[in-house]
Amino acid sequence: MANMRQLREGIGHAWDSVLEGWQRLYQRASGAITRFRPGAKAGDTHGGDGSDTALPARSSGWGVMAAEVFEGDDQVVVRLEAPGLDRDQFGIEVRGDHLVVSGEKGYQRERTEGRYRIAECAYGRFERAIPLPDAVDADRARARYRNGVLEVELPRSGATGRRRIQVQTD
């Protein structure tokens, strides 16, 4: 009987350890996951329940948009994969110590293969909050979108605030 109790306790401890590991992995990855909410309107900064949520938490929900942050002596450069969009579909802001990239994406494709008609579509709003390593001057920021990659150059500064950044094409 003592062996069964020990076995149950061992399994319980193992399960708790696995659960804790998954929770840590989810928290680490939530900054790299982009929110996608079908039916959401552009500019809607609320969570699904209508309440305002913290920037990093709002970055979770639908899919991964790979991002890289590079630090130079005088600027921070952020590159974000965002294929299939037009430059006018982006909203880019500096909010405190985060670069927030948002927009609306609509994807629709239909094809016929033999007797089957295949229709694929995805619509909704996305948002990604990328932590910045240092304060930046949002007034002098530049953004370019080329070949599905958005690149935002943010000169370093001592001030923080909020400002929209326009996207340019080459």
N, C-alpha and C. Protein backbone atom coordinates (compact mmCIF):
# COMPACT_ATOMS: atom_id res chain seq x y z
N MET A 1 0.81 -1.19 0.00
CA MET A 1 0.00 0.00 0.00
C MET A 1 0.86 1.26 0.00
N ALA A 2 1.96 1.20 0.75
CA ALA A 2 2.87 2.35 0.81
C ALA A 2 3.49 2.61 -0.56
N ASN A 3 3.76 1.55 -1.33
CA ASN A 3 4.34 1.72 -2.66
C ASN A 3 3.40 2.44 -3.61
N MET A 4 2.08 2.14 -3.52
CA MET A 4 1.09 2.80 -4.38
C MET A 4 1.00 4.29 -4.03
N ARG A 5 1.05 4.59 -2.74
CA ARG A 5 0.99 5.99 -2.31
C ARG A 5 2.22 6.75 -2.82
N GLN A 6 3.38 6.13 -2.72
CA GLN A 6 4.61 6.75 -3.21
C GLN A 6 4.55 6.95 -4.72
N LEU A 7 4.01 5.97 -5.43
CA LEU A 7 3.88 6.07 -6.89
C LEU A 7 2.96 7.22 -7.25
N ARG A 8 1.81 7.34 -6.57
CA ARG A 8 0.88 8.44 -6.84
C ARG A 8 1.52 9.79 -6.55
N GLU A 9 2.26 9.89 -5.46
CA GLU A 9 2.94 11.14 -5.13
C GLU A 9 3.99 11.49 -6.18
N GLY A 10 4.72 10.48 -6.63
CA GLY A 10 5.73 10.71 -7.67
C GLY A 10 5.12 11.19 -8.97
N ILE A 11 4.01 10.60 -9.35
CA ILE A 11 3.31 11.02 -10.57
C ILE A 11 2.77 12.43 -10.40
N GLY A 12 2.24 12.73 -9.21
CA GLY A 12 1.73 14.08 -8.94
C GLY A 12 2.83 15.12 -9.05
N HIS A 13 4.01 14.83 -8.49
CA HIS A 13 5.13 15.77 -8.57
C HIS A 13 5.60 15.94 -10.01
N ALA A 14 5.64 14.85 -10.76
CA ALA A 14 6.06 14.92 -12.17
C ALA A 14 5.07 15.77 -12.96
N TRP A 15 3.77 15.58 -12.74
CA TRP A 15 2.75 16.35 -13.44
C TRP A 15 2.86 17.84 -13.11
N ASP A 16 3.08 18.16 -11.83
CA ASP A 16 3.24 19.56 -11.43
C ASP A 16 4.44 20.19 -12.12
N SER A 17 5.52 19.45 -12.25
CA SER A 17 6.73 19.94 -12.90
C SER A 17 6.48 20.20 -14.39
N VAL A 18 5.78 19.29 -15.06
CA VAL A 18 5.45 19.48 -16.48
C VAL A 18 4.56 20.70 -16.66
N LEU A 19 3.56 20.84 -15.80
CA LEU A 19 2.64 21.97 -15.88
C LEU A 19 3.38 23.29 -15.67
N GLU A 20 4.26 23.34 -14.70
CA GLU A 20 5.04 24.54 -14.44
C GLU A 20 5.93 24.89 -15.64
N GLY A 21 6.53 23.89 -16.26
CA GLY A 21 7.36 24.12 -17.44
C GLY A 21 6.55 24.69 -18.60
N TRP A 22 5.34 24.16 -18.83
CA TRP A 22 4.50 24.67 -19.90
C TRP A 22 4.09 26.11 -19.64
N GLN A 23 3.80 26.42 -18.38
CA GLN A 23 3.41 27.79 -18.05
C GLN A 23 4.57 28.76 -18.29
N ARG A 24 5.79 28.37 -17.92
CA ARG A 24 6.96 29.23 -18.18
C ARG A 24 7.18 29.40 -19.68
N LEU A 25 7.05 28.32 -20.46
CA LEU A 25 7.21 28.39 -21.91
C LEU A 25 6.17 29.32 -22.52
N TYR A 26 4.94 29.22 -22.09
CA TYR A 26 3.87 30.08 -22.60
C TYR A 26 4.16 31.55 -22.30
N GLN A 27 4.61 31.84 -21.08
CA GLN A 27 4.91 33.23 -20.72
C GLN A 27 6.06 33.78 -21.56
N ARG A 28 7.10 32.98 -21.79
CA ARG A 28 8.22 33.43 -22.60
C ARG A 28 7.82 33.66 -24.05
N ALA A 29 6.98 32.79 -24.60
CA ALA A 29 6.61 32.86 -26.01
C ALA A 29 5.52 33.88 -26.28
N SER A 30 4.81 34.33 -25.26
CA SER A 30 3.67 35.22 -25.51
C SER A 30 4.09 36.52 -26.17
N GLY A 31 5.32 36.98 -25.99
CA GLY A 31 5.78 38.20 -26.65
C GLY A 31 6.01 38.01 -28.13
N ALA A 32 6.15 36.78 -28.60
CA ALA A 32 6.41 36.52 -30.01
C ALA A 32 5.15 36.11 -30.76
N ILE A 33 4.05 36.02 -30.06
CA ILE A 33 2.82 35.57 -30.71
C ILE A 33 1.95 36.78 -30.98
N THR A 34 1.37 36.80 -32.15
CA THR A 34 0.59 37.95 -32.59
C THR A 34 -0.89 37.69 -32.44
N ARG A 35 -1.58 38.66 -31.91
CA ARG A 35 -3.02 38.54 -31.68
C ARG A 35 -3.76 38.65 -33.01
N PHE A 36 -4.71 37.77 -33.20
CA PHE A 36 -5.55 37.78 -34.39
C PHE A 36 -6.98 37.56 -33.92
N ARG A 37 -7.82 38.55 -34.11
CA ARG A 37 -9.19 38.44 -33.63
C ARG A 37 -10.15 38.70 -34.77
N PRO A 38 -10.76 37.66 -35.33
CA PRO A 38 -11.74 37.87 -36.40
C PRO A 38 -12.85 38.80 -35.92
N GLY A 39 -13.20 39.74 -36.78
CA GLY A 39 -14.28 40.65 -36.47
C GLY A 39 -13.87 41.89 -35.71
N ALA A 40 -12.63 41.97 -35.23
CA ALA A 40 -12.19 43.15 -34.50
C ALA A 40 -12.01 44.31 -35.47
N LYS A 41 -12.27 45.51 -35.03
CA LYS A 41 -12.13 46.70 -35.85
C LYS A 41 -10.75 47.30 -35.68
N ALA A 42 -10.25 47.96 -36.72
CA ALA A 42 -8.95 48.64 -36.63
C ALA A 42 -9.01 49.68 -35.54
N GLY A 43 -7.94 49.76 -34.75
CA GLY A 43 -7.88 50.71 -33.66
C GLY A 43 -8.48 50.20 -32.37
N ASP A 44 -9.11 49.04 -32.38
CA ASP A 44 -9.66 48.45 -31.16
C ASP A 44 -8.51 47.94 -30.30
N THR A 45 -8.30 48.55 -29.15
CA THR A 45 -7.18 48.17 -28.30
C THR A 45 -7.64 47.39 -27.08
N HIS A 46 -8.81 46.80 -27.15
CA HIS A 46 -9.34 46.07 -26.01
C HIS A 46 -9.17 44.57 -26.21
N GLY A 47 -9.18 43.86 -25.12
CA GLY A 47 -9.14 42.41 -25.17
C GLY A 47 -10.50 41.89 -25.60
N GLY A 48 -10.65 40.59 -25.69
CA GLY A 48 -11.89 39.98 -26.14
C GLY A 48 -13.07 40.30 -25.26
N ASP A 49 -12.84 40.62 -23.97
CA ASP A 49 -13.95 40.92 -23.07
C ASP A 49 -14.25 42.41 -22.98
N GLY A 50 -13.56 43.22 -23.79
CA GLY A 50 -13.81 44.65 -23.81
C GLY A 50 -12.97 45.44 -22.82
N SER A 51 -12.16 44.78 -22.02
CA SER A 51 -11.33 45.49 -21.06
C SER A 51 -9.94 45.72 -21.63
N ASP A 52 -9.34 46.85 -21.26
CA ASP A 52 -7.98 47.14 -21.70
C ASP A 52 -7.02 46.19 -21.01
N THR A 53 -6.07 45.65 -21.75
CA THR A 53 -5.11 44.70 -21.17
C THR A 53 -3.70 45.22 -21.38
N ALA A 54 -2.74 44.68 -20.65
CA ALA A 54 -1.35 45.10 -20.76
C ALA A 54 -0.80 44.78 -22.14
N LEU A 55 0.16 45.60 -22.61
CA LEU A 55 0.70 45.42 -23.97
C LEU A 55 1.25 44.02 -24.22
N PRO A 56 2.15 43.47 -23.40
CA PRO A 56 2.68 42.15 -23.72
C PRO A 56 1.60 41.07 -23.73
N ALA A 57 0.62 41.17 -22.84
CA ALA A 57 -0.45 40.16 -22.81
C ALA A 57 -1.32 40.24 -24.05
N ARG A 58 -1.48 41.46 -24.61
CA ARG A 58 -2.31 41.60 -25.81
C ARG A 58 -1.63 41.03 -27.03
N SER A 59 -0.37 40.67 -26.93
CA SER A 59 0.36 40.15 -28.08
C SER A 59 0.15 38.66 -28.26
N SER A 60 -0.73 38.04 -27.53
CA SER A 60 -0.91 36.60 -27.67
C SER A 60 -2.24 36.30 -28.33
N GLY A 61 -2.31 35.17 -29.06
CA GLY A 61 -3.59 34.78 -29.57
C GLY A 61 -3.63 34.02 -30.87
N TRP A 62 -2.87 34.36 -31.91
CA TRP A 62 -3.13 33.71 -33.18
C TRP A 62 -1.91 33.09 -33.83
N GLY A 63 -0.91 33.80 -34.14
CA GLY A 63 0.21 33.24 -34.86
C GLY A 63 1.49 34.00 -34.61
N VAL A 64 2.57 33.47 -35.08
CA VAL A 64 3.88 34.06 -34.82
C VAL A 64 4.28 34.98 -35.97
N MET A 65 4.69 36.17 -35.62
CA MET A 65 5.31 37.11 -36.56
C MET A 65 6.72 37.29 -36.05
N ALA A 66 7.67 36.68 -36.69
CA ALA A 66 9.05 36.73 -36.23
C ALA A 66 9.55 38.17 -36.23
N ALA A 67 10.25 38.52 -35.16
CA ALA A 67 10.81 39.87 -35.04
C ALA A 67 12.23 39.79 -34.53
N GLU A 68 13.04 40.76 -34.97
CA GLU A 68 14.42 40.88 -34.52
C GLU A 68 14.61 42.31 -34.04
N VAL A 69 15.35 42.46 -32.95
CA VAL A 69 15.68 43.78 -32.44
C VAL A 69 17.20 43.90 -32.42
N PHE A 70 17.71 44.93 -33.11
CA PHE A 70 19.15 45.18 -33.17
C PHE A 70 19.44 46.50 -32.47
N GLU A 71 20.50 46.52 -31.68
CA GLU A 71 20.91 47.74 -31.00
C GLU A 71 22.20 48.26 -31.60
N GLY A 72 22.19 49.51 -32.00
CA GLY A 72 23.40 50.19 -32.44
C GLY A 72 23.75 51.25 -31.41
N ASP A 73 24.83 51.97 -31.64
CA ASP A 73 25.23 53.02 -30.71
C ASP A 73 24.20 54.14 -30.63
N ASP A 74 23.59 54.47 -31.79
CA ASP A 74 22.69 55.62 -31.82
C ASP A 74 21.25 55.28 -32.21
N GLN A 75 20.93 53.99 -32.43
CA GLN A 75 19.57 53.65 -32.81
C GLN A 75 19.23 52.20 -32.46
N VAL A 76 17.94 51.92 -32.45
CA VAL A 76 17.41 50.57 -32.28
C VAL A 76 16.67 50.25 -33.58
N VAL A 77 16.94 49.08 -34.16
CA VAL A 77 16.28 48.68 -35.40
C VAL A 77 15.45 47.43 -35.10
N VAL A 78 14.18 47.47 -35.50
CA VAL A 78 13.27 46.34 -35.33
C VAL A 78 12.85 45.86 -36.70
N ARG A 79 13.01 44.57 -36.95
CA ARG A 79 12.53 43.95 -38.19
C ARG A 79 11.45 42.95 -37.83
N LEU A 80 10.34 43.01 -38.56
CA LEU A 80 9.19 42.17 -38.28
C LEU A 80 8.69 41.55 -39.58
N GLU A 81 8.54 40.23 -39.58
CA GLU A 81 7.96 39.55 -40.75
C GLU A 81 6.46 39.78 -40.76
N ALA A 82 5.96 40.34 -41.85
CA ALA A 82 4.53 40.61 -42.01
C ALA A 82 4.16 40.49 -43.48
N PRO A 83 4.23 39.28 -44.03
CA PRO A 83 3.98 39.12 -45.46
C PRO A 83 2.53 39.34 -45.85
N GLY A 84 2.35 39.77 -47.09
CA GLY A 84 1.02 39.87 -47.66
C GLY A 84 0.24 41.12 -47.31
N LEU A 85 0.89 42.13 -46.77
CA LEU A 85 0.20 43.36 -46.40
C LEU A 85 0.64 44.51 -47.29
N ASP A 86 -0.16 45.56 -47.33
CA ASP A 86 0.21 46.81 -47.96
C ASP A 86 0.67 47.76 -46.86
N ARG A 87 1.47 48.74 -47.22
CA ARG A 87 2.01 49.64 -46.21
C ARG A 87 0.90 50.39 -45.46
N ASP A 88 -0.23 50.63 -46.11
CA ASP A 88 -1.33 51.34 -45.47
C ASP A 88 -2.07 50.49 -44.44
N GLN A 89 -1.81 49.21 -44.39
CA GLN A 89 -2.50 48.32 -43.45
C GLN A 89 -1.82 48.26 -42.08
N PHE A 90 -0.69 48.94 -41.92
CA PHE A 90 0.05 48.92 -40.65
C PHE A 90 -0.32 50.11 -39.79
N GLY A 91 -0.37 49.87 -38.49
CA GLY A 91 -0.38 50.93 -37.49
C GLY A 91 0.86 50.71 -36.65
N ILE A 92 1.72 51.72 -36.56
CA ILE A 92 2.97 51.57 -35.82
C ILE A 92 3.05 52.71 -34.82
N GLU A 93 3.24 52.37 -33.55
CA GLU A 93 3.33 53.37 -32.49
C GLU A 93 4.41 52.97 -31.49
N VAL A 94 4.97 53.97 -30.86
CA VAL A 94 5.83 53.74 -29.71
C VAL A 94 4.98 54.09 -28.49
N ARG A 95 4.81 53.11 -27.62
CA ARG A 95 4.04 53.32 -26.38
C ARG A 95 4.95 52.97 -25.21
N GLY A 96 5.44 53.99 -24.57
CA GLY A 96 6.34 53.76 -23.45
C GLY A 96 7.60 53.06 -23.92
N ASP A 97 7.85 51.86 -23.42
CA ASP A 97 9.05 51.11 -23.80
C ASP A 97 8.74 49.97 -24.76
N HIS A 98 7.64 50.09 -25.54
CA HIS A 98 7.25 49.07 -26.52
C HIS A 98 7.02 49.70 -27.89
N LEU A 99 7.40 48.98 -28.92
CA LEU A 99 7.01 49.31 -30.29
C LEU A 99 5.80 48.44 -30.58
N VAL A 100 4.67 49.06 -30.90
CA VAL A 100 3.44 48.32 -31.13
C VAL A 100 3.11 48.38 -32.62
N VAL A 101 3.06 47.20 -33.25
CA VAL A 101 2.72 47.08 -34.66
C VAL A 101 1.36 46.40 -34.72
N SER A 102 0.42 47.04 -35.39
CA SER A 102 -0.93 46.47 -35.50
C SER A 102 -1.43 46.66 -36.93
N GLY A 103 -2.55 46.03 -37.21
CA GLY A 103 -3.14 46.19 -38.53
C GLY A 103 -4.28 45.21 -38.75
N GLU A 104 -4.76 45.22 -39.96
CA GLU A 104 -5.81 44.29 -40.36
C GLU A 104 -5.32 43.50 -41.53
N LYS A 105 -5.61 42.21 -41.49
CA LYS A 105 -5.19 41.34 -42.57
C LYS A 105 -6.39 40.58 -43.09
N GLY A 106 -6.46 40.52 -44.38
CA GLY A 106 -7.50 39.73 -45.02
C GLY A 106 -6.86 38.84 -46.08
N TYR A 107 -7.11 37.57 -46.00
CA TYR A 107 -6.52 36.62 -46.94
C TYR A 107 -7.65 35.78 -47.50
N GLN A 108 -7.71 35.68 -48.81
CA GLN A 108 -8.73 34.85 -49.43
C GLN A 108 -8.17 34.25 -50.71
N ARG A 109 -8.33 32.94 -50.84
CA ARG A 109 -7.84 32.25 -52.03
C ARG A 109 -8.81 31.11 -52.35
N GLU A 110 -9.16 31.01 -53.62
CA GLU A 110 -10.01 29.92 -54.08
C GLU A 110 -9.33 29.23 -55.24
N ARG A 111 -9.49 27.91 -55.30
CA ARG A 111 -8.94 27.14 -56.42
C ARG A 111 -9.78 25.88 -56.60
N THR A 112 -9.63 25.30 -57.76
CA THR A 112 -10.35 24.07 -58.06
C THR A 112 -9.34 22.98 -58.36
N GLU A 113 -9.52 21.85 -57.73
CA GLU A 113 -8.68 20.68 -57.97
C GLU A 113 -9.60 19.50 -58.26
N GLY A 114 -9.66 19.14 -59.54
CA GLY A 114 -10.57 18.06 -59.92
C GLY A 114 -12.01 18.46 -59.67
N ARG A 115 -12.72 17.65 -58.90
CA ARG A 115 -14.12 17.94 -58.58
C ARG A 115 -14.27 18.79 -57.32
N TYR A 116 -13.17 19.18 -56.70
CA TYR A 116 -13.23 19.92 -55.44
C TYR A 116 -12.95 21.39 -55.65
N ARG A 117 -13.71 22.23 -54.98
CA ARG A 117 -13.46 23.66 -54.94
C ARG A 117 -12.92 23.95 -53.54
N ILE A 118 -11.74 24.54 -53.47
CA ILE A 118 -11.08 24.80 -52.19
C ILE A 118 -11.05 26.30 -51.96
N ALA A 119 -11.61 26.74 -50.84
CA ALA A 119 -11.62 28.15 -50.46
C ALA A 119 -10.92 28.29 -49.11
N GLU A 120 -9.91 29.17 -49.06
CA GLU A 120 -9.19 29.43 -47.82
C GLU A 120 -9.29 30.92 -47.53
N CYS A 121 -9.55 31.27 -46.28
CA CYS A 121 -9.60 32.67 -45.93
C CYS A 121 -9.28 32.86 -44.45
N ALA A 122 -8.76 34.03 -44.13
CA ALA A 122 -8.50 34.44 -42.75
C ALA A 122 -8.61 35.96 -42.71
N TYR A 123 -9.39 36.45 -41.79
CA TYR A 123 -9.59 37.88 -41.65
C TYR A 123 -9.46 38.25 -40.19
N GLY A 124 -8.97 39.43 -39.93
CA GLY A 124 -8.95 39.91 -38.56
C GLY A 124 -7.83 40.89 -38.30
N ARG A 125 -7.84 41.38 -37.10
CA ARG A 125 -6.88 42.37 -36.64
C ARG A 125 -5.73 41.67 -35.94
N PHE A 126 -4.51 42.20 -36.12
CA PHE A 126 -3.36 41.65 -35.41
C PHE A 126 -2.65 42.78 -34.68
N GLU A 127 -1.90 42.40 -33.65
CA GLU A 127 -1.13 43.36 -32.90
C GLU A 127 0.05 42.66 -32.25
N ARG A 128 1.20 43.30 -32.29
CA ARG A 128 2.40 42.76 -31.66
C ARG A 128 3.10 43.88 -30.92
N ALA A 129 3.36 43.69 -29.64
CA ALA A 129 4.07 44.66 -28.81
C ALA A 129 5.48 44.12 -28.60
N ILE A 130 6.46 44.87 -29.09
CA ILE A 130 7.87 44.45 -29.02
C ILE A 130 8.58 45.32 -28.00
N PRO A 131 9.11 44.72 -26.93
CA PRO A 131 9.83 45.52 -25.93
C PRO A 131 11.08 46.16 -26.54
N LEU A 132 11.28 47.43 -26.24
CA LEU A 132 12.47 48.14 -26.72
C LEU A 132 13.51 48.16 -25.61
N PRO A 133 14.78 47.97 -25.97
CA PRO A 133 15.83 47.89 -24.95
C PRO A 133 16.19 49.23 -24.33
N ASP A 134 15.79 50.33 -24.97
CA ASP A 134 16.18 51.65 -24.49
C ASP A 134 15.14 52.66 -24.95
N ALA A 135 15.14 53.86 -24.36
CA ALA A 135 14.24 54.92 -24.78
C ALA A 135 14.62 55.38 -26.19
N VAL A 136 13.60 55.69 -27.00
CA VAL A 136 13.83 56.08 -28.39
C VAL A 136 13.12 57.41 -28.68
N ASP A 137 13.56 58.08 -29.74
CA ASP A 137 12.96 59.31 -30.21
C ASP A 137 11.97 58.96 -31.32
N ALA A 138 10.71 58.82 -30.96
CA ALA A 138 9.69 58.39 -31.93
C ALA A 138 9.47 59.42 -33.03
N ASP A 139 9.76 60.70 -32.77
CA ASP A 139 9.57 61.74 -33.78
C ASP A 139 10.53 61.60 -34.96
N ARG A 140 11.65 60.96 -34.73
CA ARG A 140 12.64 60.78 -35.81
C ARG A 140 12.67 59.35 -36.35
N ALA A 141 11.70 58.54 -35.97
CA ALA A 141 11.66 57.14 -36.41
C ALA A 141 11.29 57.05 -37.89
N ARG A 142 11.81 56.00 -38.54
CA ARG A 142 11.49 55.73 -39.95
C ARG A 142 11.09 54.27 -40.07
N ALA A 143 10.11 54.02 -40.94
CA ALA A 143 9.66 52.64 -41.18
C ALA A 143 9.62 52.38 -42.67
N ARG A 144 10.11 51.19 -43.07
CA ARG A 144 10.09 50.76 -44.47
C ARG A 144 9.49 49.35 -44.51
N TYR A 145 8.76 49.08 -45.59
CA TYR A 145 8.18 47.75 -45.79
C TYR A 145 8.60 47.26 -47.17
N ARG A 146 9.31 46.13 -47.21
CA ARG A 146 9.80 45.59 -48.47
C ARG A 146 9.85 44.07 -48.37
N ASN A 147 9.32 43.40 -49.38
CA ASN A 147 9.36 41.93 -49.48
C ASN A 147 8.83 41.23 -48.23
N GLY A 148 7.75 41.77 -47.65
CA GLY A 148 7.13 41.13 -46.50
C GLY A 148 7.81 41.38 -45.18
N VAL A 149 8.80 42.26 -45.15
CA VAL A 149 9.51 42.57 -43.90
C VAL A 149 9.35 44.06 -43.59
N LEU A 150 8.85 44.36 -42.41
CA LEU A 150 8.73 45.72 -41.94
C LEU A 150 9.98 46.04 -41.11
N GLU A 151 10.66 47.12 -41.44
CA GLU A 151 11.86 47.53 -40.70
C GLU A 151 11.63 48.92 -40.14
N VAL A 152 11.77 49.05 -38.83
CA VAL A 152 11.57 50.32 -38.15
C VAL A 152 12.89 50.72 -37.50
N GLU A 153 13.39 51.92 -37.87
CA GLU A 153 14.62 52.47 -37.28
C GLU A 153 14.21 53.53 -36.27
N LEU A 154 14.66 53.36 -35.04
CA LEU A 154 14.29 54.24 -33.94
C LEU A 154 15.54 54.83 -33.30
N PRO A 155 15.82 56.13 -33.52
CA PRO A 155 16.99 56.74 -32.89
C PRO A 155 16.83 56.73 -31.36
N ARG A 156 17.92 56.50 -30.67
CA ARG A 156 17.90 56.50 -29.20
C ARG A 156 17.62 57.90 -28.66
N SER A 157 16.98 57.95 -27.50
CA SER A 157 16.64 59.22 -26.86
C SER A 157 16.43 58.97 -25.38
N GLY A 158 16.33 60.05 -24.63
CA GLY A 158 16.04 59.92 -23.20
C GLY A 158 14.57 60.08 -22.90
N ALA A 159 13.76 60.48 -23.89
CA ALA A 159 12.33 60.73 -23.65
C ALA A 159 11.48 59.54 -24.06
N THR A 160 10.32 59.41 -23.42
CA THR A 160 9.35 58.38 -23.80
C THR A 160 8.04 59.07 -24.12
N GLY A 161 7.20 58.41 -24.87
CA GLY A 161 5.91 58.98 -25.25
C GLY A 161 5.18 58.08 -26.19
N ARG A 162 4.33 58.70 -27.03
CA ARG A 162 3.52 57.93 -27.97
C ARG A 162 3.44 58.72 -29.26
N ARG A 163 3.74 58.07 -30.40
CA ARG A 163 3.69 58.73 -31.69
C ARG A 163 3.49 57.68 -32.78
N ARG A 164 2.69 58.02 -33.78
CA ARG A 164 2.48 57.16 -34.93
C ARG A 164 3.67 57.28 -35.89
N ILE A 165 3.99 56.19 -36.58
CA ILE A 165 5.10 56.17 -37.53
C ILE A 165 4.55 55.76 -38.88
N GLN A 166 4.82 56.54 -39.93
CA GLN A 166 4.36 56.22 -41.27
C GLN A 166 5.31 55.25 -41.95
N VAL A 167 4.77 54.31 -42.72
CA VAL A 167 5.56 53.31 -43.43
C VAL A 167 5.85 53.82 -44.83
N GLN A 168 7.10 53.66 -45.26
CA GLN A 168 7.51 54.05 -46.61
C GLN A 168 7.85 52.79 -47.40
N THR A 169 7.69 52.84 -48.71
CA THR A 169 8.12 51.75 -49.57
C THR A 169 9.30 52.21 -50.39
N ASP A 170 10.12 51.26 -50.80
CA ASP A 170 11.29 51.60 -51.62
C ASP A 170 10.94 51.56 -53.09
